[in-house]
Amino acid sequence: MKRQLLGILLSLLVLAGCGSKHTSVKYEVAVSSDSERIAYSTYGAGETSLIFIHGWSCDSRYWHKQLSTFSKNYRVITIDLAGHGNSSLGRLDYTMLSFANDVKAVIEKDNLNQAILIGHSMGGGVMAEVARLMPKKVVAIIGIDTFQNVAEEIPQKIIDEMSQAFEVDFQNAMQDFVSPMFPEETDGELISWVKEDMASAPHEVALSVFRNYMGQYVNGEASGVFENITIPVVSINARLWPTDPDTNRKHIQTYNLFYIEGTGHFPMLEKPKEFNSILTEVLEYIETKKNL
């Protein structure tokens, strides 16, 4: 318990250091639908809120290189989903819908009227569920290296085999899983940090999330969730894995794809300046769509 409290304190101190350059910084907790306590931070102010949603076994720290840029013109919110970061981890089953309710709790607590969701990797599946829950609040979805093919079909056998590797030796399996996500020229210290950080995630939480997220590509829910979503949906994707925009457009009514060159799965950390520039371009594109 002392170690956990110390970790939370150190994380808050780090976040405080990151946020010291910003105005109106707040560290808050919202209560999700199943009573899980969801830690989140707010930077800056604006009519439109940008809500950054992390990926599998990550947390809100993965967005620290975006805070100063986007809090100048928007209210920026970073969230630790349940079981991640400084949020509680008492949930029995970590589904995309339960994560969506975490985001919904934050939107409701801060009484937000207009939110653009920005989600990395697994965060893409979370965002789609939030848009389905709150169609009048969510005005656009921006996926970061996600939505490569929402209609992709993955056999259950493949997911079972991957899950077994994580069950046998979670830390080594996670490091092996993360390593190919970066180009060879990526900074070694960054690769090491991401590998160690994700490998330190609570393994029971990680396994539950993995099975539920990947299971969407077995039962078709990964594409089905978009059936009634009419807001702009955008991907900012690396070229590490192929993206199929034509297939996506068969399932997503308004889909557009932007590429970021020379990065792997974590472009917001690998090339933050280039990433922030492309994200700014995407936000301008969304603004034109809103005004049509």
Protein backbone atom coordinates (compact mmCIF):
# COMPACT_ATOMS: atom_id res chain seq x y z
CA MET A 1 0.00 0.00 0.00
CA LYS A 2 2.83 2.43 0.86
CA ARG A 3 4.47 1.67 -2.48
CA GLN A 4 1.21 2.30 -4.32
CA LEU A 5 0.66 5.62 -2.54
CA LEU A 6 4.23 6.65 -3.28
CA GLY A 7 3.73 5.83 -6.95
CA ILE A 8 0.57 7.92 -7.10
CA LEU A 9 2.32 10.83 -5.39
CA LEU A 10 5.26 10.69 -7.79
CA SER A 11 2.92 10.52 -10.78
CA LEU A 12 1.06 13.58 -9.57
CA LEU A 13 4.32 15.44 -9.08
CA VAL A 14 5.37 14.58 -12.63
CA LEU A 15 2.02 15.70 -13.96
CA ALA A 16 2.25 18.89 -11.95
CA GLY A 17 5.61 19.59 -13.55
CA CYS A 18 4.14 18.98 -17.00
CA GLY A 19 1.17 21.17 -16.28
CA SER A 20 2.99 24.08 -14.68
CA LYS A 21 3.23 25.87 -18.03
CA HIS A 22 -0.51 25.74 -18.55
CA THR A 23 -3.38 27.79 -17.16
CA SER A 24 -6.40 26.36 -15.39
CA VAL A 25 -4.82 22.98 -14.65
CA LYS A 26 -7.06 20.72 -12.58
CA TYR A 27 -6.62 17.17 -11.30
CA GLU A 28 -10.01 15.54 -10.83
CA VAL A 29 -11.78 12.25 -10.18
CA ALA A 30 -15.07 11.16 -11.73
CA VAL A 31 -17.11 8.14 -10.66
CA SER A 32 -17.97 5.71 -13.45
CA SER A 33 -21.22 3.76 -13.78
CA ASP A 34 -19.83 0.83 -11.75
CA SER A 35 -18.35 3.10 -9.02
CA GLU A 36 -14.78 2.91 -10.36
CA ARG A 37 -12.90 6.14 -9.66
CA ILE A 38 -11.54 7.70 -12.84
CA ALA A 39 -8.58 10.08 -12.54
CA TYR A 40 -8.34 12.80 -15.15
CA SER A 41 -6.60 16.12 -15.71
CA THR A 42 -7.81 19.31 -17.40
CA TYR A 43 -5.62 21.90 -19.07
CA GLY A 44 -6.58 25.24 -20.59
CA ALA A 45 -10.06 26.31 -21.64
CA GLY A 46 -12.21 26.51 -24.73
CA GLU A 47 -15.69 25.93 -26.10
CA THR A 48 -14.55 22.60 -27.55
CA SER A 49 -12.90 19.98 -25.37
CA LEU A 50 -10.27 17.56 -26.67
CA ILE A 51 -10.43 14.33 -24.69
CA PHE A 52 -7.31 12.19 -25.09
CA ILE A 53 -7.84 8.45 -24.49
CA HIS A 54 -4.83 6.16 -24.09
CA GLY A 55 -4.31 2.69 -25.49
CA TRP A 56 -3.91 -0.77 -23.99
CA SER A 57 -1.79 -0.88 -20.81
CA CYS A 58 -0.85 2.79 -21.20
CA ASP A 59 -2.18 5.88 -19.40
CA SER A 60 -2.59 9.64 -19.67
CA ARG A 61 1.18 10.28 -19.54
CA TYR A 62 1.46 9.14 -23.15
CA TRP A 63 -0.09 12.48 -24.22
CA HIS A 64 2.27 14.78 -22.30
CA LYS A 65 3.85 16.14 -25.49
CA GLN A 66 0.46 17.42 -26.70
CA LEU A 67 -0.58 19.43 -23.66
CA SER A 68 1.15 22.77 -24.25
CA THR A 69 0.22 22.90 -27.94
CA PHE A 70 -3.48 22.18 -27.72
CA SER A 71 -4.38 23.73 -24.36
CA LYS A 72 -3.81 27.15 -25.94
CA ASN A 73 -7.06 26.92 -27.91
CA TYR A 74 -8.99 24.03 -26.37
CA ARG A 75 -9.91 22.54 -23.06
CA VAL A 76 -7.65 19.48 -23.03
CA ILE A 77 -8.60 16.50 -20.89
CA THR A 78 -6.44 13.41 -20.37
CA ILE A 79 -7.99 10.37 -18.74
CA ASP A 80 -6.72 7.27 -16.96
CA LEU A 81 -9.27 4.59 -17.83
CA ALA A 82 -10.22 2.22 -15.02
CA GLY A 83 -7.40 -0.19 -14.19
CA HIS A 84 -4.79 2.20 -15.62
CA GLY A 85 -2.64 4.99 -14.22
CA ASN A 86 -4.11 6.58 -11.11
CA SER A 87 -7.65 5.24 -11.57
CA SER A 88 -9.07 2.44 -9.45
CA LEU A 89 -8.88 -1.19 -10.58
CA GLY A 90 -11.75 -3.02 -8.94
CA ARG A 91 -13.61 -3.86 -12.13
CA LEU A 92 -14.06 -7.55 -12.91
CA ASP A 93 -14.32 -7.25 -16.70
CA TYR A 94 -12.68 -4.44 -18.67
CA THR A 95 -14.76 -3.97 -21.81
CA MET A 96 -14.82 -1.15 -24.35
CA LEU A 97 -18.28 -0.23 -23.12
CA SER A 98 -17.12 -0.02 -19.50
CA PHE A 99 -14.26 2.25 -20.60
CA ALA A 100 -16.75 4.34 -22.57
CA ASN A 101 -18.71 4.82 -19.36
CA ASP A 102 -15.49 6.09 -17.74
CA VAL A 103 -15.25 8.78 -20.41
CA LYS A 104 -18.97 9.49 -20.14
CA ALA A 105 -18.55 10.07 -16.39
CA VAL A 106 -15.88 12.70 -17.07
CA ILE A 107 -17.98 14.44 -19.73
CA GLU A 108 -20.96 14.55 -17.39
CA LYS A 109 -18.98 15.70 -14.37
CA ASP A 110 -17.42 18.61 -16.29
CA ASN A 111 -20.74 19.30 -18.05
CA LEU A 112 -19.07 19.40 -21.46
CA ASN A 113 -21.19 20.44 -24.42
CA GLN A 114 -18.88 19.67 -27.32
CA ALA A 115 -16.13 17.05 -27.23
CA ILE A 116 -13.70 15.74 -29.81
CA LEU A 117 -12.32 12.36 -28.79
CA ILE A 118 -8.71 11.48 -29.62
CA GLY A 119 -7.84 7.86 -28.94
CA HIS A 120 -4.70 5.81 -29.43
CA SER A 121 -4.86 2.17 -30.53
CA MET A 122 -7.40 0.43 -28.26
CA GLY A 123 -8.75 3.90 -27.51
CA GLY A 124 -10.36 3.76 -30.94
CA GLY A 125 -12.78 1.09 -29.79
CA VAL A 126 -13.52 3.10 -26.66
CA MET A 127 -14.27 6.28 -28.60
CA ALA A 128 -16.81 4.60 -30.86
CA GLU A 129 -18.71 3.36 -27.81
CA VAL A 130 -18.65 6.85 -26.26
CA ALA A 131 -20.04 8.36 -29.46
CA ARG A 132 -22.84 5.79 -29.37
CA LEU A 133 -23.59 6.61 -25.72
CA MET A 134 -23.43 10.41 -26.14
CA PRO A 135 -24.31 11.35 -29.73
CA LYS A 136 -25.19 14.93 -28.81
CA LYS A 137 -21.93 15.56 -26.97
CA VAL A 138 -19.30 13.91 -29.20
CA VAL A 139 -18.75 15.88 -32.42
CA ALA A 140 -15.82 13.94 -33.92
CA ILE A 141 -13.52 10.96 -33.38
CA ILE A 142 -9.79 10.98 -34.14
CA GLY A 143 -8.01 7.64 -33.98
CA ILE A 144 -4.24 7.50 -33.57
CA ASP A 145 -2.73 4.47 -35.32
CA THR A 146 -6.01 2.62 -35.10
CA PHE A 147 -8.97 1.79 -37.38
CA GLN A 148 -6.57 0.13 -39.84
CA ASN A 149 -9.48 -2.09 -40.91
CA VAL A 150 -12.59 -2.08 -38.74
CA ALA A 151 -13.96 -5.09 -40.61
CA GLU A 152 -10.89 -7.28 -40.13
CA GLU A 153 -11.73 -10.81 -39.03
CA ILE A 154 -9.46 -12.47 -36.47
CA PRO A 155 -9.96 -16.14 -35.56
CA GLN A 156 -10.58 -16.81 -31.88
CA LYS A 157 -7.74 -19.32 -31.97
CA ILE A 158 -5.21 -16.54 -32.66
CA ILE A 159 -6.44 -14.50 -29.72
CA ASP A 160 -6.33 -17.55 -27.46
CA GLU A 161 -2.73 -18.26 -28.47
CA MET A 162 -1.66 -14.67 -27.84
CA SER A 163 -3.49 -14.58 -24.50
CA GLN A 164 -1.75 -17.78 -23.41
CA ALA A 165 1.68 -16.18 -23.95
CA PHE A 166 0.67 -13.27 -21.71
CA GLU A 167 -0.66 -15.65 -19.08
CA VAL A 168 2.56 -17.69 -18.95
CA ASP A 169 5.03 -14.78 -18.71
CA PHE A 170 3.29 -11.43 -18.94
CA GLN A 171 6.31 -9.14 -18.69
CA ASN A 172 8.44 -10.86 -21.33
CA ALA A 173 5.45 -11.45 -23.61
CA MET A 174 4.52 -7.77 -23.39
CA GLN A 175 8.06 -6.64 -24.21
CA ASP A 176 8.15 -9.00 -27.19
CA PHE A 177 4.75 -7.68 -28.25
CA VAL A 178 5.81 -4.02 -28.08
CA SER A 179 9.24 -4.26 -29.73
CA PRO A 180 8.02 -4.57 -33.36
CA MET A 181 5.83 -1.48 -32.93
CA PHE A 182 8.78 0.85 -33.58
CA PRO A 183 10.92 1.47 -36.67
CA GLU A 184 14.60 0.57 -36.28
CA GLU A 185 15.66 4.23 -36.16
CA THR A 186 13.47 5.05 -33.13
CA ASP A 187 15.23 6.42 -30.07
CA GLY A 188 16.29 3.46 -27.94
CA GLU A 189 15.44 5.13 -24.65
CA LEU A 190 11.87 5.72 -25.79
CA ILE A 191 11.48 2.10 -26.88
CA SER A 192 12.87 0.87 -23.56
CA TRP A 193 10.56 3.16 -21.58
CA VAL A 194 7.41 2.07 -23.43
CA LYS A 195 8.33 -1.61 -23.17
CA GLU A 196 9.04 -1.41 -19.44
CA ASP A 197 6.02 0.76 -18.75
CA MET A 198 3.52 -1.45 -20.55
CA ALA A 199 5.09 -4.58 -19.08
CA SER A 200 4.50 -3.16 -15.59
CA ALA A 201 0.73 -2.94 -16.10
CA PRO A 202 -1.49 -5.06 -13.83
CA HIS A 203 -1.53 -8.28 -15.82
CA GLU A 204 -5.05 -9.37 -14.87
CA VAL A 205 -6.42 -6.04 -16.06
CA ALA A 206 -4.33 -6.19 -19.23
CA LEU A 207 -5.53 -9.71 -20.09
CA SER A 208 -9.18 -8.78 -19.59
CA VAL A 209 -8.78 -5.71 -21.80
CA PHE A 210 -6.88 -7.65 -24.46
CA ARG A 211 -9.52 -10.37 -24.75
CA ASN A 212 -12.39 -7.89 -24.91
CA TYR A 213 -10.73 -5.52 -27.37
CA MET A 214 -9.49 -8.22 -29.73
CA GLY A 215 -12.77 -10.10 -29.35
CA GLN A 216 -14.47 -7.29 -31.26
CA TYR A 217 -12.67 -8.52 -34.37
CA VAL A 218 -14.07 -12.00 -33.84
CA ASN A 219 -17.73 -11.07 -33.36
CA GLY A 220 -17.85 -8.13 -35.81
CA GLU A 221 -18.47 -5.49 -33.17
CA ALA A 222 -15.40 -3.50 -34.28
CA SER A 223 -17.30 -2.44 -37.39
CA GLY A 224 -20.85 -2.80 -36.07
CA VAL A 225 -20.32 -0.11 -33.44
CA PHE A 226 -20.14 2.50 -36.22
CA GLU A 227 -23.53 1.62 -37.73
CA ASN A 228 -25.36 4.75 -36.53
CA ILE A 229 -22.39 7.09 -36.08
CA THR A 230 -22.60 10.02 -38.50
CA ILE A 231 -19.93 12.36 -37.08
CA PRO A 232 -16.49 12.68 -38.72
CA VAL A 233 -14.19 9.76 -37.98
CA VAL A 234 -10.50 10.29 -38.81
CA SER A 235 -7.37 8.17 -38.51
CA ILE A 236 -3.87 9.54 -38.09
CA ASN A 237 -1.92 6.39 -38.89
CA ALA A 238 1.67 5.34 -39.33
CA ARG A 239 2.59 3.11 -42.26
CA LEU A 240 3.95 0.36 -40.02
CA TRP A 241 0.78 -1.64 -40.66
CA PRO A 242 -1.44 -1.21 -43.75
CA THR A 243 -4.64 0.80 -43.47
CA ASP A 244 -7.63 -0.03 -45.67
CA PRO A 245 -9.64 3.21 -46.02
CA ASP A 246 -11.98 1.79 -48.66
CA THR A 247 -13.15 -0.98 -46.35
CA ASN A 248 -13.49 1.47 -43.48
CA ARG A 249 -15.72 3.72 -45.60
CA LYS A 250 -18.09 0.81 -46.16
CA HIS A 251 -18.77 0.76 -42.42
CA ILE A 252 -18.12 4.36 -41.33
CA GLN A 253 -20.29 7.03 -42.92
CA THR A 254 -17.71 9.85 -42.76
CA TYR A 255 -14.15 8.49 -42.68
CA ASN A 256 -10.89 10.17 -43.62
CA LEU A 257 -7.27 9.06 -43.33
CA PHE A 258 -4.15 11.11 -42.62
CA TYR A 259 -0.68 9.55 -42.56
CA ILE A 260 2.28 10.44 -40.39
CA GLU A 261 5.57 9.38 -41.92
CA GLY A 262 8.54 7.71 -40.26
CA THR A 263 6.93 6.58 -37.02
CA GLY A 264 5.64 3.42 -35.47
CA HIS A 265 2.66 2.82 -33.22
CA PHE A 266 3.30 5.76 -30.87
CA PRO A 267 3.60 8.81 -33.17
CA MET A 268 2.61 11.27 -30.44
CA LEU A 269 5.78 10.25 -28.56
CA GLU A 270 8.09 9.40 -31.46
CA LYS A 271 7.63 12.59 -33.51
CA PRO A 272 5.55 14.95 -31.36
CA LYS A 273 6.18 18.10 -33.42
CA GLU A 274 5.08 16.44 -36.67
CA PHE A 275 2.22 14.70 -34.91
CA ASN A 276 0.93 17.93 -33.36
CA SER A 277 1.06 19.62 -36.76
CA ILE A 278 -1.01 16.86 -38.38
CA LEU A 279 -3.47 16.81 -35.49
CA THR A 280 -3.91 20.57 -35.89
CA GLU A 281 -4.65 19.99 -39.59
CA VAL A 282 -7.19 17.30 -38.71
CA LEU A 283 -8.92 19.60 -36.22
CA GLU A 284 -9.19 22.26 -38.93
CA TYR A 285 -10.66 19.64 -41.28
CA ILE A 286 -13.23 18.67 -38.65
CA GLU A 287 -14.18 22.31 -38.16
CA THR A 288 -15.03 22.58 -41.87
CA LYS A 289 -17.18 19.44 -41.62
CA LYS A 290 -19.04 20.86 -38.61
CA ASN A 291 -19.88 24.01 -40.55
CA LEU A 292 -21.37 22.23 -43.57
